[in-house]
Amino acid sequence: MSEKILIVEDNKTLAKLISKKIENALEMEVDVAYSLNEAKLFLARYKYFVTLLDINLPDAPNGEIVDYVLKKKHHVIVLSANIDKEFRAKMLQKNIIDYVNKGGTGDIDYIIQIITRLKKNKQHKVLVVDDSMVFRKQMQNMLENMFFEVITVAHGEEALGMLQAKPDISLVLTDYNMPVMDGLELTYEIRQTYSKDELCILAISSSEDEEVSALFLKHGANDYIKKPFSKEEFSCRVNNSIEALENIQTIMNYANRDYLTGLYNRRYFFQAMNEYVEDVKESGERFAVAMIDIDHFKKINDTYGHDTGDQVIVTLADILRSSTSPRDVVARFGGEEFCIVLKNINRYSAQDILERIRNEVESYSFCVDKDNYIKFTISIGALLHNDEDTLEETISEADMMLYKAKNGGRNQIVFEA
């Protein structure tokens, strides 16, 4: 069931325009009410992702609808033609997401941008670090209203512990003056583990010392915000930081991933694995390397076409991904050739996993059209890495095993003894 949006706007032409643009851009279901009383009926029946509220309605001329909807625990974006600064400031003191002027199609595009951002924010965790319980609660409320998952702690040492427990935190908001470990020390410590590509830090301080902001930025903060700040400034800086992080991760994904399957590409494989090989020299951890090739792939392409060939490649990629641990490395080397690394494993367990993969591929079939089902098989060459060999030498040996599997009749594993 898709998420719903409620628009409350007495100008029917404008309401329909906003509704249509949102439905087209976001594929979300939109309900439209033209008065407070109509809105009450909708709110009694449905839970909305967000509500867009005009504040000058026939039965609620002074923004009464905002308090009513907030009381019902719904998220609110205010739509208004009122440009009076005092009125705007008064509205922004309420627990609303944003105050948008109704001026034209540009404002509708802005509303769509806000909703898109809010949907993405649901995927992010934010850690708030501040020794003031009142301020922690204030920031938590603002961030939860922006759809973030929020965790709060009182000082830097607690924050470092929380980052170890929850390494998928996207943003740390830290105060400067705190007991045990201040915000500058915390920023420095976080940057020993997390780069700016992995985690954003937004520093907050009421310090009048102009050097503080520079020190935070030099220690690795992405941005700095001075207390007291407005809700709008806070929202913009937080959203900008998260958006920058997402953009960096998208670029890195394009650089590291194969465009067709989403698996790691050959370049990233060697970069990540060369680091891992150095690490396991000290720990003594064993790992297996397997080269995998789709049997008679040219025949599949020639018979059914390249689009179907791509489907076969994607199918195999999905099987490899689901059959291995998140810690393992699965890469597409090019064409129909894949390489997987099974970490912290002995020969027998590795052989079992590879046999399950081979068997699952052999058992799988998918529909090309109503008269044709495709089945395909794979050949696998594998071995345990020897500490005396380089990664390239191990892969060459796995390639030799793969060649033996092909020559031995295909649809089999040759695991070096």
Protein backbone atom coordinates (compact mmCIF):
# COMPACT_ATOMS: atom_id res chain seq x y z
CA MET A 1 0.00 0.00 0.00
CA SER A 2 1.51 3.33 -1.08
CA GLU A 3 2.01 6.19 1.38
CA LYS A 4 -0.61 8.93 1.33
CA ILE A 5 -0.47 12.73 1.38
CA LEU A 6 -3.28 15.05 2.42
CA ILE A 7 -3.61 18.48 0.79
CA VAL A 8 -5.95 20.96 2.50
CA GLU A 9 -6.45 23.96 0.19
CA ASP A 10 -9.66 25.89 -0.58
CA ASN A 11 -8.42 27.01 -4.02
CA LYS A 12 -9.63 23.96 -5.98
CA THR A 13 -7.54 24.71 -9.09
CA LEU A 14 -4.34 25.02 -7.08
CA ALA A 15 -5.17 21.93 -4.96
CA LYS A 16 -5.71 19.82 -8.08
CA LEU A 17 -2.49 21.14 -9.66
CA ILE A 18 -0.40 20.29 -6.57
CA SER A 19 -2.11 16.90 -6.28
CA LYS A 20 -1.44 15.96 -9.91
CA LYS A 21 2.21 17.05 -9.80
CA ILE A 22 2.86 15.11 -6.57
CA GLU A 23 1.16 11.95 -7.87
CA ASN A 24 3.19 12.10 -11.10
CA ALA A 25 6.53 12.89 -9.44
CA LEU A 26 6.35 10.71 -6.32
CA GLU A 27 3.88 7.93 -7.12
CA MET A 28 2.11 8.68 -3.83
CA GLU A 29 -1.63 8.65 -3.26
CA VAL A 30 -3.04 12.15 -2.64
CA ASP A 31 -6.29 13.12 -0.90
CA VAL A 32 -7.63 16.68 -1.21
CA ALA A 33 -9.81 18.53 1.30
CA TYR A 34 -11.13 22.07 0.79
CA SER A 35 -11.93 22.92 4.43
CA LEU A 36 -11.04 22.01 8.01
CA ASN A 37 -14.21 19.93 8.37
CA GLU A 38 -13.41 17.90 5.26
CA ALA A 39 -9.84 17.46 6.50
CA LYS A 40 -11.14 16.11 9.83
CA LEU A 41 -13.01 13.35 7.99
CA PHE A 42 -9.87 12.29 6.09
CA LEU A 43 -7.68 12.44 9.21
CA ALA A 44 -10.14 10.25 11.12
CA ARG A 45 -9.84 7.54 8.46
CA TYR A 46 -6.22 7.59 7.27
CA LYS A 47 -2.63 7.98 8.43
CA TYR A 48 -0.71 10.37 6.19
CA PHE A 49 3.02 10.53 5.43
CA VAL A 50 2.72 14.33 5.42
CA THR A 51 -0.06 16.94 5.29
CA LEU A 52 0.12 20.15 3.20
CA LEU A 53 -2.05 22.77 4.91
CA ASP A 54 -3.35 26.09 3.69
CA ILE A 55 -3.81 28.35 6.74
CA ASN A 56 -6.59 30.56 5.41
CA LEU A 57 -9.62 28.29 5.03
CA PRO A 58 -13.33 29.23 4.98
CA ASP A 59 -13.94 27.52 8.37
CA ALA A 60 -10.44 28.14 9.78
CA PRO A 61 -9.20 31.57 8.62
CA ASN A 62 -6.30 32.01 11.08
CA GLY A 63 -4.31 28.80 10.79
CA GLU A 64 -6.42 26.81 13.30
CA ILE A 65 -5.96 23.72 11.14
CA VAL A 66 -2.23 23.58 11.93
CA ASP A 67 -2.81 23.11 15.67
CA TYR A 68 -5.58 20.58 15.00
CA VAL A 69 -3.41 18.42 12.68
CA LEU A 70 -0.35 18.64 14.95
CA LYS A 71 -2.51 17.53 17.88
CA LYS A 72 -3.44 14.46 15.81
CA LYS A 73 0.31 13.66 15.53
CA HIS A 74 0.56 14.25 11.77
CA HIS A 75 3.52 15.85 9.99
CA VAL A 76 2.75 19.33 8.67
CA ILE A 77 4.05 21.53 5.84
CA VAL A 78 2.31 24.90 5.83
CA LEU A 79 1.21 26.44 2.51
CA SER A 80 0.55 30.15 2.73
CA ALA A 81 0.21 33.30 0.67
CA ASN A 82 0.87 35.31 3.85
CA ILE A 83 4.35 36.82 3.64
CA ASP A 84 4.15 38.70 6.96
CA LYS A 85 7.43 37.96 8.79
CA GLU A 86 5.93 37.91 12.28
CA PHE A 87 3.17 35.52 11.27
CA ARG A 88 5.70 33.28 9.51
CA ALA A 89 7.97 33.25 12.60
CA LYS A 90 4.99 32.41 14.81
CA MET A 91 4.08 29.45 12.58
CA LEU A 92 7.67 28.18 12.51
CA GLN A 93 7.70 28.06 16.31
CA LYS A 94 5.16 25.25 16.03
CA ASN A 95 6.33 21.69 15.32
CA ILE A 96 5.92 22.04 11.54
CA ILE A 97 8.38 20.78 8.92
CA ASP A 98 8.41 23.90 6.73
CA TYR A 99 6.55 27.06 5.74
CA VAL A 100 6.14 27.37 1.96
CA ASN A 101 4.87 30.45 0.15
CA LYS A 102 2.22 29.81 -2.50
CA GLY A 103 3.68 31.66 -5.44
CA GLY A 104 3.74 29.40 -8.51
CA THR A 105 4.95 26.13 -10.01
CA GLY A 106 8.43 26.68 -8.55
CA ASP A 107 6.95 26.39 -5.06
CA ILE A 108 5.20 23.14 -6.02
CA ASP A 109 8.56 21.80 -7.24
CA TYR A 110 10.05 22.81 -3.88
CA ILE A 111 7.29 20.90 -2.03
CA ILE A 112 8.09 17.80 -4.12
CA GLN A 113 11.78 18.21 -3.24
CA ILE A 114 10.93 18.40 0.49
CA ILE A 115 8.78 15.25 0.38
CA THR A 116 11.45 13.38 -1.62
CA ARG A 117 14.03 14.42 0.98
CA LEU A 118 11.80 13.32 3.88
CA LYS A 119 11.31 9.88 2.29
CA LYS A 120 15.09 9.47 1.95
CA ASN A 121 15.68 10.67 5.52
CA LYS A 122 13.86 7.58 6.82
CA GLN A 123 16.91 5.54 5.78
CA HIS A 124 19.31 7.54 7.99
CA LYS A 125 20.26 7.39 11.66
CA VAL A 126 21.37 10.60 13.42
CA LEU A 127 23.35 10.70 16.67
CA VAL A 128 22.83 13.80 18.84
CA VAL A 129 25.58 14.50 21.40
CA ASP A 130 24.83 17.21 23.97
CA ASP A 131 25.07 17.39 27.76
CA SER A 132 21.87 19.48 27.99
CA MET A 133 18.82 17.22 28.22
CA VAL A 134 16.57 20.11 27.14
CA PHE A 135 18.63 20.80 24.02
CA ARG A 136 18.92 17.08 23.20
CA LYS A 137 15.14 16.76 23.34
CA GLN A 138 14.68 19.89 21.20
CA MET A 139 17.00 18.57 18.49
CA GLN A 140 15.46 15.10 18.70
CA ASN A 141 11.99 16.56 18.07
CA MET A 142 13.19 18.57 15.07
CA LEU A 143 15.06 15.63 13.57
CA GLU A 144 12.24 13.13 14.11
CA ASN A 145 9.93 15.63 12.43
CA MET A 146 12.29 15.37 9.44
CA PHE A 147 11.81 11.56 9.53
CA PHE A 148 15.29 10.66 10.82
CA GLU A 149 15.86 7.84 13.29
CA VAL A 150 17.42 9.66 16.26
CA ILE A 151 19.73 8.45 19.03
CA THR A 152 20.80 10.83 21.83
CA VAL A 153 23.76 10.69 24.24
CA ALA A 154 25.18 13.13 26.80
CA HIS A 155 28.89 13.28 25.96
CA GLY A 156 31.68 12.24 23.60
CA GLU A 157 32.69 8.93 25.19
CA GLU A 158 29.08 7.74 25.07
CA ALA A 159 28.97 8.80 21.42
CA LEU A 160 32.05 6.73 20.51
CA GLY A 161 30.48 3.71 22.22
CA MET A 162 27.24 4.23 20.31
CA LEU A 163 29.11 4.48 16.99
CA GLN A 164 30.72 1.11 17.71
CA ALA A 165 27.34 -0.42 18.51
CA LYS A 166 25.60 1.20 15.50
CA PRO A 167 28.16 1.70 12.72
CA ASP A 168 25.43 2.67 10.20
CA ILE A 169 24.91 6.15 11.72
CA SER A 170 24.96 8.75 8.91
CA LEU A 171 25.23 12.03 10.85
CA VAL A 172 26.63 13.11 14.22
CA LEU A 173 25.39 16.41 15.69
CA THR A 174 27.74 17.42 18.46
CA ASP A 175 27.83 20.28 20.96
CA TYR A 176 31.20 21.89 21.74
CA ASN A 177 31.24 22.28 25.54
CA MET A 178 30.63 18.87 27.18
CA PRO A 179 32.07 17.00 30.16
CA VAL A 180 34.37 13.95 29.79
CA MET A 181 35.10 14.64 26.09
CA ASP A 182 34.23 17.88 24.29
CA GLY A 183 32.93 18.18 20.72
CA LEU A 184 36.33 18.98 19.20
CA GLU A 185 37.93 15.89 20.73
CA LEU A 186 34.96 13.81 19.64
CA THR A 187 35.20 15.10 16.06
CA TYR A 188 38.91 14.25 15.97
CA GLU A 189 38.29 10.75 17.38
CA ILE A 190 35.47 9.99 14.94
CA ARG A 191 37.65 11.01 12.00
CA GLN A 192 40.25 8.40 13.05
CA THR A 193 37.69 5.74 12.01
CA TYR A 194 35.17 7.38 9.67
CA SER A 195 36.01 9.51 6.63
CA LYS A 196 33.77 12.31 5.36
CA ASP A 197 32.62 9.88 2.66
CA GLU A 198 31.14 7.61 5.35
CA LEU A 199 29.79 9.91 8.06
CA CYS A 200 28.80 13.59 8.40
CA ILE A 201 29.62 15.67 11.48
CA LEU A 202 27.68 18.87 12.18
CA ALA A 203 29.17 20.86 15.06
CA ILE A 204 27.02 23.15 17.23
CA SER A 205 28.26 25.80 19.63
CA SER A 206 27.27 29.03 21.37
CA SER A 207 30.94 30.03 21.69
CA GLU A 208 31.75 33.62 20.68
CA ASP A 209 35.31 32.56 19.85
CA GLU A 210 35.63 32.74 16.06
CA GLU A 211 38.47 30.18 16.13
CA VAL A 212 36.09 27.44 17.32
CA SER A 213 34.31 27.09 13.97
CA ALA A 214 37.64 26.95 12.11
CA LEU A 215 39.00 24.34 14.54
CA PHE A 216 35.94 22.15 14.10
CA LEU A 217 36.24 22.30 10.30
CA LYS A 218 39.99 21.56 10.50
CA HIS A 219 39.30 18.57 12.79
CA GLY A 220 36.94 17.10 10.19
CA ALA A 221 33.46 18.56 10.77
CA ASN A 222 31.41 18.92 7.58
CA ASP A 223 29.62 22.02 8.81
CA TYR A 224 29.25 24.31 11.82
CA ILE A 225 26.12 25.96 13.20
CA LYS A 226 26.08 28.66 15.88
CA LYS A 227 23.51 28.76 18.69
CA PRO A 228 20.91 30.17 18.72
CA PHE A 229 19.76 29.08 15.27
CA SER A 230 16.44 29.06 13.45
CA LYS A 231 14.55 25.88 12.68
CA GLU A 232 14.91 26.63 8.96
CA GLU A 233 18.68 27.04 9.15
CA PHE A 234 18.97 23.84 11.18
CA SER A 235 16.82 21.86 8.71
CA CYS A 236 18.69 23.19 5.68
CA ARG A 237 22.14 22.44 7.11
CA VAL A 238 21.16 18.92 8.23
CA ASN A 239 19.50 18.09 4.90
CA ASN A 240 22.41 19.56 2.91
CA SER A 241 24.91 17.46 4.89
CA ILE A 242 22.92 14.26 4.35
CA GLU A 243 22.42 15.04 0.67
CA ALA A 244 26.16 15.62 0.18
CA LEU A 245 26.87 12.26 1.86
CA GLU A 246 24.35 10.50 -0.40
CA ASN A 247 25.87 12.11 -3.50
CA ILE A 248 29.38 11.00 -2.54
CA GLN A 249 28.15 7.45 -1.87
CA THR A 250 26.31 7.38 -5.21
CA ILE A 251 29.49 8.42 -7.04
CA MET A 252 31.52 5.80 -5.14
CA ASN A 253 28.89 3.19 -5.97
CA TYR A 254 29.19 3.99 -9.66
CA ALA A 255 32.97 3.72 -9.40
CA ASN A 256 32.97 0.45 -7.43
CA ARG A 257 29.97 -1.43 -8.78
CA ASP A 258 29.21 -3.26 -12.00
CA TYR A 259 26.50 -1.34 -13.85
CA LEU A 260 24.43 -4.44 -14.80
CA THR A 261 24.44 -6.59 -11.66
CA GLY A 262 25.24 -4.17 -8.84
CA LEU A 263 28.06 -6.49 -7.74
CA TYR A 264 31.57 -5.14 -7.11
CA ASN A 265 33.60 -4.55 -10.26
CA ARG A 266 37.08 -5.90 -10.98
CA ARG A 267 38.83 -2.64 -10.00
CA TYR A 268 37.20 -2.48 -6.57
CA PHE A 269 37.74 -6.23 -6.02
CA PHE A 270 41.52 -5.90 -6.25
CA GLN A 271 41.57 -2.72 -4.17
CA ALA A 272 39.54 -4.28 -1.32
CA MET A 273 41.11 -7.72 -1.50
CA ASN A 274 44.73 -6.56 -1.51
CA GLU A 275 44.05 -4.80 1.83
CA TYR A 276 42.32 -7.93 3.16
CA VAL A 277 45.20 -10.23 2.10
CA GLU A 278 47.63 -8.04 4.07
CA ASP A 279 45.37 -8.18 7.14
CA VAL A 280 45.00 -11.99 7.14
CA LYS A 281 48.76 -12.50 6.96
CA GLU A 282 48.82 -11.41 10.61
CA SER A 283 45.60 -13.09 11.76
CA GLY A 284 46.14 -16.38 9.93
CA GLU A 285 42.55 -16.37 8.65
CA ARG A 286 41.96 -18.71 5.68
CA PHE A 287 39.89 -17.80 2.66
CA ALA A 288 38.84 -19.45 -0.59
CA VAL A 289 38.85 -17.91 -4.06
CA ALA A 290 36.51 -19.22 -6.76
CA MET A 291 36.33 -18.28 -10.45
CA ILE A 292 32.88 -18.88 -11.98
CA ASP A 293 31.87 -18.91 -15.63
CA ILE A 294 28.47 -19.43 -17.30
CA ASP A 295 28.57 -22.49 -19.56
CA HIS A 296 27.82 -22.01 -23.28
CA PHE A 297 27.03 -18.33 -22.73
CA LYS A 298 27.69 -17.41 -26.38
CA LYS A 299 25.04 -19.93 -27.43
CA ILE A 300 22.50 -18.27 -25.07
CA ASN A 301 23.27 -14.85 -26.60
CA ASP A 302 23.12 -16.19 -30.18
CA THR A 303 19.85 -18.07 -29.58
CA TYR A 304 17.88 -15.64 -27.43
CA GLY A 305 19.65 -12.29 -27.88
CA HIS A 306 21.81 -10.08 -25.65
CA ASP A 307 18.91 -8.86 -23.47
CA THR A 308 18.23 -12.44 -22.39
CA GLY A 309 21.97 -12.96 -21.94
CA ASP A 310 21.95 -9.97 -19.56
CA GLN A 311 19.03 -11.54 -17.67
CA VAL A 312 21.06 -14.72 -17.21
CA ILE A 313 24.01 -12.70 -15.87
CA VAL A 314 21.75 -10.81 -13.42
CA THR A 315 20.14 -14.09 -12.30
CA LEU A 316 23.54 -15.61 -11.51
CA ALA A 317 24.60 -12.43 -9.70
CA ASP A 318 21.47 -12.63 -7.50
CA ILE A 319 22.18 -16.30 -6.67
CA LEU A 320 25.81 -15.55 -5.78
CA ARG A 321 24.76 -12.60 -3.60
CA SER A 322 22.09 -14.53 -1.71
CA SER A 323 24.27 -17.64 -1.25
CA THR A 324 27.21 -15.86 0.37
CA SER A 325 27.78 -13.94 3.59
CA PRO A 326 27.76 -10.08 3.61
CA ARG A 327 31.42 -10.34 4.67
CA ASP A 328 32.37 -12.30 1.54
CA VAL A 329 33.31 -10.51 -1.68
CA VAL A 330 31.36 -11.17 -4.88
CA ALA A 331 32.53 -9.46 -8.07
CA ARG A 332 31.78 -9.52 -11.76
CA PHE A 333 35.07 -9.57 -13.63
CA GLY A 334 33.45 -8.94 -17.01
CA GLY A 335 31.22 -10.74 -19.49
CA GLU A 336 29.97 -13.99 -17.96
CA GLU A 337 32.91 -14.32 -15.54
CA PHE A 338 32.60 -13.84 -11.78
CA CYS A 339 34.95 -14.16 -8.81
CA ILE A 340 33.93 -14.80 -5.22
CA VAL A 341 36.00 -14.81 -2.04
CA LEU A 342 34.67 -16.86 0.89
CA LYS A 343 36.29 -15.46 4.04
CA ASN A 344 37.29 -17.22 7.27
CA ILE A 345 36.54 -20.69 5.91
CA ASN A 346 38.02 -24.17 5.52
CA ARG A 347 38.11 -26.25 2.34
CA TYR A 348 35.10 -28.43 3.17
CA SER A 349 32.78 -25.55 4.05
CA ALA A 350 33.89 -23.65 0.93
CA GLN A 351 33.24 -26.69 -1.25
CA ASP A 352 29.78 -27.13 0.31
CA ILE A 353 28.83 -23.49 -0.41
CA LEU A 354 30.10 -23.69 -4.01
CA GLU A 355 28.26 -26.96 -4.59
CA ARG A 356 25.04 -25.40 -3.29
CA ILE A 357 25.54 -22.48 -5.69
CA ARG A 358 26.21 -24.82 -8.63
CA ASN A 359 23.14 -26.89 -7.76
CA GLU A 360 20.87 -23.84 -7.34
CA VAL A 361 21.92 -22.49 -10.75
CA GLU A 362 21.32 -25.88 -12.39
CA SER A 363 17.83 -26.08 -10.80
CA TYR A 364 16.82 -22.54 -11.76
CA SER A 365 14.82 -21.67 -14.86
CA PHE A 366 13.16 -18.46 -15.96
CA CYS A 367 10.61 -17.60 -18.60
CA VAL A 368 11.82 -15.83 -21.74
CA ASP A 369 8.37 -15.89 -23.34
CA LYS A 370 5.28 -18.11 -23.11
CA ASP A 371 6.95 -20.92 -25.08
CA ASN A 372 10.55 -20.72 -23.82
CA TYR A 373 12.16 -21.37 -20.45
CA ILE A 374 15.90 -21.00 -20.07
CA LYS A 375 18.06 -23.24 -17.92
CA PHE A 376 21.80 -22.74 -17.66
CA THR A 377 24.78 -24.11 -15.72
CA ILE A 378 28.10 -22.83 -14.41
CA SER A 379 31.63 -24.14 -14.06
CA ILE A 380 33.72 -23.29 -10.98
CA GLY A 381 37.44 -23.38 -10.28
CA ALA A 382 38.47 -22.84 -6.65
CA LEU A 383 41.22 -23.14 -4.07
CA LEU A 384 42.25 -21.97 -0.61
CA HIS A 385 44.66 -19.03 -0.68
CA ASN A 386 48.22 -19.85 0.31
CA ASP A 387 49.99 -17.14 2.34
CA GLU A 388 53.08 -17.51 0.19
CA ASP A 389 51.15 -16.55 -2.97
CA THR A 390 49.98 -13.13 -4.08
CA LEU A 391 46.29 -12.54 -4.70
CA GLU A 392 46.97 -12.45 -8.46
CA GLU A 393 48.70 -15.86 -8.28
CA THR A 394 45.74 -17.34 -6.38
CA ILE A 395 43.30 -16.00 -8.97
CA SER A 396 45.46 -17.41 -11.80
CA GLU A 397 45.39 -20.83 -10.13
CA ALA A 398 41.59 -20.60 -9.66
CA ASP A 399 41.40 -19.76 -13.39
CA MET A 400 43.38 -22.94 -14.16
CA MET A 401 40.93 -24.96 -12.05
CA LEU A 402 38.05 -23.33 -13.96
CA TYR A 403 39.70 -24.36 -17.25
CA LYS A 404 39.84 -27.96 -15.97
CA ALA A 405 36.15 -27.80 -15.01
CA LYS A 406 35.29 -26.62 -18.52
CA ASN A 407 37.41 -29.29 -20.17
CA GLY A 408 36.01 -31.93 -17.83
CA GLY A 409 32.48 -31.48 -19.18
CA ARG A 410 31.27 -28.23 -17.51
CA ASN A 411 28.60 -27.86 -14.78
CA GLN A 412 31.11 -28.92 -12.11
CA ILE A 413 33.56 -27.68 -9.49
CA VAL A 414 37.26 -28.35 -9.60
CA PHE A 415 38.69 -27.52 -6.16
CA GLU A 416 42.47 -27.70 -5.98
CA ALA A 417 43.59 -30.32 -3.49
